[in-house]
Amino acid sequence: MTSQPAEEAKADLTLDGQGVVQLKWPRGVSISESDAEAAMRNVNELCGDRRHPMLVDMATTAQVSRGARAVFGRPCQASRIALLGASPVDKVLANFILGINKLPCPTRFFTSRNEAMAWLLKDQAASA
């Protein structure tokens, strides 16, 4: 597993053995535009020239600012994104992100990590 130090970012970022970028936000975080910028910069640095599927663990996220939502709407090195949440609040936040922004890659919300990982990896298994 490869880790990228998230110097300015509040999120933990890793690239797992299956080639999935895992971005985990801490409990109760309010994601600002600068937090989103730092996270996306770190994702792009970690991925380099290759695009990878990305699991974003946003369970217990308190809020996502308008500026952060705009940043998340920009293209990055993620080939597809699974938003993982656990509560009705997480689903509301995810639906707001999914509904407001034109997202640069396929993006879906899940409450099951296994289902999210299966969706992220399904095209990789077919092309391997």
C-alpha atoms as a PDB file:
ATOM      1  CA  MET A   1       0.000   0.000   0.000  1.00  0.00           C
ATOM      2  CA  THR A   2       1.291   3.456  -0.898  1.00  0.00           C
ATOM      3  CA  SER A   3       0.524   6.468   1.269  1.00  0.00           C
ATOM      4  CA  GLN A   4       0.726  10.126   0.408  1.00  0.00           C
ATOM      5  CA  PRO A   5       1.324  12.583   3.235  1.00  0.00           C
ATOM      6  CA  ALA A   6      -1.591  14.957   3.368  1.00  0.00           C
ATOM      7  CA  GLU A   7       0.351  17.956   4.606  1.00  0.00           C
ATOM      8  CA  GLU A   8      -2.372  20.566   4.295  1.00  0.00           C
ATOM      9  CA  ALA A   9      -5.223  18.109   3.774  1.00  0.00           C
ATOM     10  CA  LYS A  10      -7.451  16.862   6.533  1.00  0.00           C
ATOM     11  CA  ALA A  11      -7.971  13.520   4.776  1.00  0.00           C
ATOM     12  CA  ASP A  12      -5.949  10.292   4.826  1.00  0.00           C
ATOM     13  CA  LEU A  13      -4.952   9.119   1.351  1.00  0.00           C
ATOM     14  CA  THR A  14      -3.667   5.691   0.264  1.00  0.00           C
ATOM     15  CA  LEU A  15      -3.368   3.601  -2.885  1.00  0.00           C
ATOM     16  CA  ASP A  16      -4.256   0.017  -1.983  1.00  0.00           C
ATOM     17  CA  GLY A  17      -2.964  -3.234  -3.478  1.00  0.00           C
ATOM     18  CA  GLN A  18      -5.934  -3.439  -5.857  1.00  0.00           C
ATOM     19  CA  GLY A  19      -5.100  -0.059  -7.375  1.00  0.00           C
ATOM     20  CA  VAL A  20      -7.905   1.824  -5.614  1.00  0.00           C
ATOM     21  CA  VAL A  21      -7.196   5.273  -4.204  1.00  0.00           C
ATOM     22  CA  GLN A  22      -8.776   5.535  -0.763  1.00  0.00           C
ATOM     23  CA  LEU A  23      -9.544   8.998   0.560  1.00  0.00           C
ATOM     24  CA  LYS A  24     -10.890   9.073   4.111  1.00  0.00           C
ATOM     25  CA  TRP A  25     -12.179  12.241   5.736  1.00  0.00           C
ATOM     26  CA  PRO A  26     -12.130  12.414   9.557  1.00  0.00           C
ATOM     27  CA  ARG A  27     -15.303  12.303  11.649  1.00  0.00           C
ATOM     28  CA  GLY A  28     -17.260  15.537  11.803  1.00  0.00           C
ATOM     29  CA  VAL A  29     -15.081  17.340   9.246  1.00  0.00           C
ATOM     30  CA  SER A  30     -16.305  20.441   7.427  1.00  0.00           C
ATOM     31  CA  ILE A  31     -14.646  20.338   4.011  1.00  0.00           C
ATOM     32  CA  SER A  32     -13.613  23.780   2.768  1.00  0.00           C
ATOM     33  CA  GLU A  33     -12.477  24.728  -0.716  1.00  0.00           C
ATOM     34  CA  SER A  34      -8.831  24.692   0.412  1.00  0.00           C
ATOM     35  CA  ASP A  35      -9.302  21.223   1.977  1.00  0.00           C
ATOM     36  CA  ALA A  36     -10.750  19.945  -1.302  1.00  0.00           C
ATOM     37  CA  GLU A  37      -7.931  21.564  -3.319  1.00  0.00           C
ATOM     38  CA  ALA A  38      -5.286  19.930  -1.100  1.00  0.00           C
ATOM     39  CA  ALA A  39      -6.985  16.530  -1.269  1.00  0.00           C
ATOM     40  CA  MET A  40      -7.323  16.622  -5.074  1.00  0.00           C
ATOM     41  CA  ARG A  41      -3.724  17.804  -5.477  1.00  0.00           C
ATOM     42  CA  ASN A  42      -2.568  14.875  -3.320  1.00  0.00           C
ATOM     43  CA  VAL A  43      -4.734  12.423  -5.305  1.00  0.00           C
ATOM     44  CA  ASN A  44      -3.190  13.633  -8.560  1.00  0.00           C
ATOM     45  CA  GLU A  45       0.349  13.408  -7.136  1.00  0.00           C
ATOM     46  CA  LEU A  46      -0.271   9.903  -5.766  1.00  0.00           C
ATOM     47  CA  CYS A  47      -1.704   8.653  -9.079  1.00  0.00           C
ATOM     48  CA  GLY A  48       0.882  10.292 -11.332  1.00  0.00           C
ATOM     49  CA  ASP A  49       0.111   9.572 -14.983  1.00  0.00           C
ATOM     50  CA  ARG A  50      -2.275   6.677 -14.293  1.00  0.00           C
ATOM     51  CA  ARG A  51      -5.962   7.014 -13.517  1.00  0.00           C
ATOM     52  CA  HIS A  52      -7.327   4.909 -10.648  1.00  0.00           C
ATOM     53  CA  PRO A  53     -10.775   4.256  -9.193  1.00  0.00           C
ATOM     54  CA  MET A  54     -11.279   6.118  -5.918  1.00  0.00           C
ATOM     55  CA  LEU A  55     -13.230   5.315  -2.758  1.00  0.00           C
ATOM     56  CA  VAL A  56     -14.105   8.436  -0.768  1.00  0.00           C
ATOM     57  CA  ASP A  57     -15.094   7.601   2.806  1.00  0.00           C
ATOM     58  CA  MET A  58     -17.266  10.538   3.755  1.00  0.00           C
ATOM     59  CA  ALA A  59     -19.107   8.909   6.661  1.00  0.00           C
ATOM     60  CA  THR A  60     -19.845  11.456   9.390  1.00  0.00           C
ATOM     61  CA  THR A  61     -18.807  14.445   7.245  1.00  0.00           C
ATOM     62  CA  ALA A  62     -20.456  17.517   8.764  1.00  0.00           C
ATOM     63  CA  GLN A  63     -20.569  19.702   5.643  1.00  0.00           C
ATOM     64  CA  VAL A  64     -19.066  20.344   2.229  1.00  0.00           C
ATOM     65  CA  SER A  65     -18.720  24.003   1.241  1.00  0.00           C
ATOM     66  CA  ARG A  66     -19.894  25.339  -2.107  1.00  0.00           C
ATOM     67  CA  GLY A  67     -16.256  25.949  -3.080  1.00  0.00           C
ATOM     68  CA  ALA A  68     -15.330  22.363  -2.177  1.00  0.00           C
ATOM     69  CA  ARG A  69     -18.195  21.030  -4.303  1.00  0.00           C
ATOM     70  CA  ALA A  70     -16.874  23.066  -7.233  1.00  0.00           C
ATOM     71  CA  VAL A  71     -13.385  21.592  -6.744  1.00  0.00           C
ATOM     72  CA  PHE A  72     -14.810  18.058  -6.644  1.00  0.00           C
ATOM     73  CA  GLY A  73     -16.464  18.766  -9.999  1.00  0.00           C
ATOM     74  CA  ARG A  74     -13.085  19.212 -11.715  1.00  0.00           C
ATOM     75  CA  PRO A  75     -11.329  16.363 -13.532  1.00  0.00           C
ATOM     76  CA  CYS A  76      -8.630  14.543 -11.578  1.00  0.00           C
ATOM     77  CA  GLN A  77      -6.799  11.235 -11.853  1.00  0.00           C
ATOM     78  CA  ALA A  78      -9.833   9.278 -10.580  1.00  0.00           C
ATOM     79  CA  SER A  79     -11.379   7.049 -13.251  1.00  0.00           C
ATOM     80  CA  ARG A  80     -14.554   6.570 -11.185  1.00  0.00           C
ATOM     81  CA  ILE A  81     -15.544   7.569  -7.676  1.00  0.00           C
ATOM     82  CA  ALA A  82     -17.540   5.712  -5.015  1.00  0.00           C
ATOM     83  CA  LEU A  83     -18.775   7.934  -2.186  1.00  0.00           C
ATOM     84  CA  LEU A  84     -19.103   5.826   0.973  1.00  0.00           C
ATOM     85  CA  GLY A  85     -21.389   7.022   3.738  1.00  0.00           C
ATOM     86  CA  ALA A  86     -23.235   5.539   6.679  1.00  0.00           C
ATOM     87  CA  SER A  87     -26.067   7.864   7.641  1.00  0.00           C
ATOM     88  CA  PRO A  88     -29.012   9.700   6.102  1.00  0.00           C
ATOM     89  CA  VAL A  89     -26.979  12.923   6.481  1.00  0.00           C
ATOM     90  CA  ASP A  90     -24.160  11.390   4.417  1.00  0.00           C
ATOM     91  CA  LYS A  91     -26.678  10.469   1.726  1.00  0.00           C
ATOM     92  CA  VAL A  92     -28.097  14.000   1.666  1.00  0.00           C
ATOM     93  CA  LEU A  93     -24.583  15.467   1.309  1.00  0.00           C
ATOM     94  CA  ALA A  94     -23.708  12.963  -1.435  1.00  0.00           C
ATOM     95  CA  ASN A  95     -26.944  13.609  -3.325  1.00  0.00           C
ATOM     96  CA  PHE A  96     -26.299  17.334  -3.114  1.00  0.00           C
ATOM     97  CA  ILE A  97     -22.822  16.827  -4.595  1.00  0.00           C
ATOM     98  CA  LEU A  98     -24.117  14.426  -7.250  1.00  0.00           C
ATOM     99  CA  GLY A  99     -27.087  16.607  -8.153  1.00  0.00           C
ATOM    100  CA  ILE A 100     -25.449  20.022  -8.277  1.00  0.00           C
ATOM    101  CA  ASN A 101     -22.187  19.315 -10.043  1.00  0.00           C
ATOM    102  CA  LYS A 102     -21.475  17.910 -13.460  1.00  0.00           C
ATOM    103  CA  LEU A 103     -19.002  15.292 -12.338  1.00  0.00           C
ATOM    104  CA  PRO A 104     -15.948  14.475 -14.490  1.00  0.00           C
ATOM    105  CA  CYS A 105     -16.230  10.676 -14.082  1.00  0.00           C
ATOM    106  CA  PRO A 106     -18.839   8.092 -13.050  1.00  0.00           C
ATOM    107  CA  THR A 107     -19.705   8.688  -9.400  1.00  0.00           C
ATOM    108  CA  ARG A 108     -22.113   6.814  -7.105  1.00  0.00           C
ATOM    109  CA  PHE A 109     -23.061   6.784  -3.423  1.00  0.00           C
ATOM    110  CA  PHE A 110     -22.872   3.573  -1.360  1.00  0.00           C
ATOM    111  CA  THR A 111     -23.481   2.576   2.247  1.00  0.00           C
ATOM    112  CA  SER A 112     -21.665  -0.755   1.801  1.00  0.00           C
ATOM    113  CA  ARG A 113     -17.856  -0.767   1.395  1.00  0.00           C
ATOM    114  CA  ASN A 114     -18.036  -4.172  -0.334  1.00  0.00           C
ATOM    115  CA  GLU A 115     -20.583  -2.954  -2.899  1.00  0.00           C
ATOM    116  CA  ALA A 116     -18.568   0.215  -3.487  1.00  0.00           C
ATOM    117  CA  MET A 117     -15.351  -1.746  -4.054  1.00  0.00           C
ATOM    118  CA  ALA A 118     -17.105  -4.209  -6.387  1.00  0.00           C
ATOM    119  CA  TRP A 119     -18.432  -1.288  -8.464  1.00  0.00           C
ATOM    120  CA  LEU A 120     -15.023   0.402  -8.529  1.00  0.00           C
ATOM    121  CA  LEU A 121     -13.241  -2.758  -9.650  1.00  0.00           C
ATOM    122  CA  LYS A 122     -15.802  -4.208 -12.088  1.00  0.00           C
ATOM    123  CA  ASP A 123     -14.306  -2.708 -15.258  1.00  0.00           C
ATOM    124  CA  GLN A 124     -10.759  -3.519 -14.131  1.00  0.00           C
ATOM    125  CA  ALA A 125     -11.640  -7.213 -13.802  1.00  0.00           C
ATOM    126  CA  ALA A 126     -13.099  -7.255 -17.326  1.00  0.00           C
ATOM    127  CA  SER A 127     -10.023  -5.600 -18.863  1.00  0.00           C
ATOM    128  CA  ALA A 128      -7.418  -7.650 -16.952  1.00  0.00           C
END
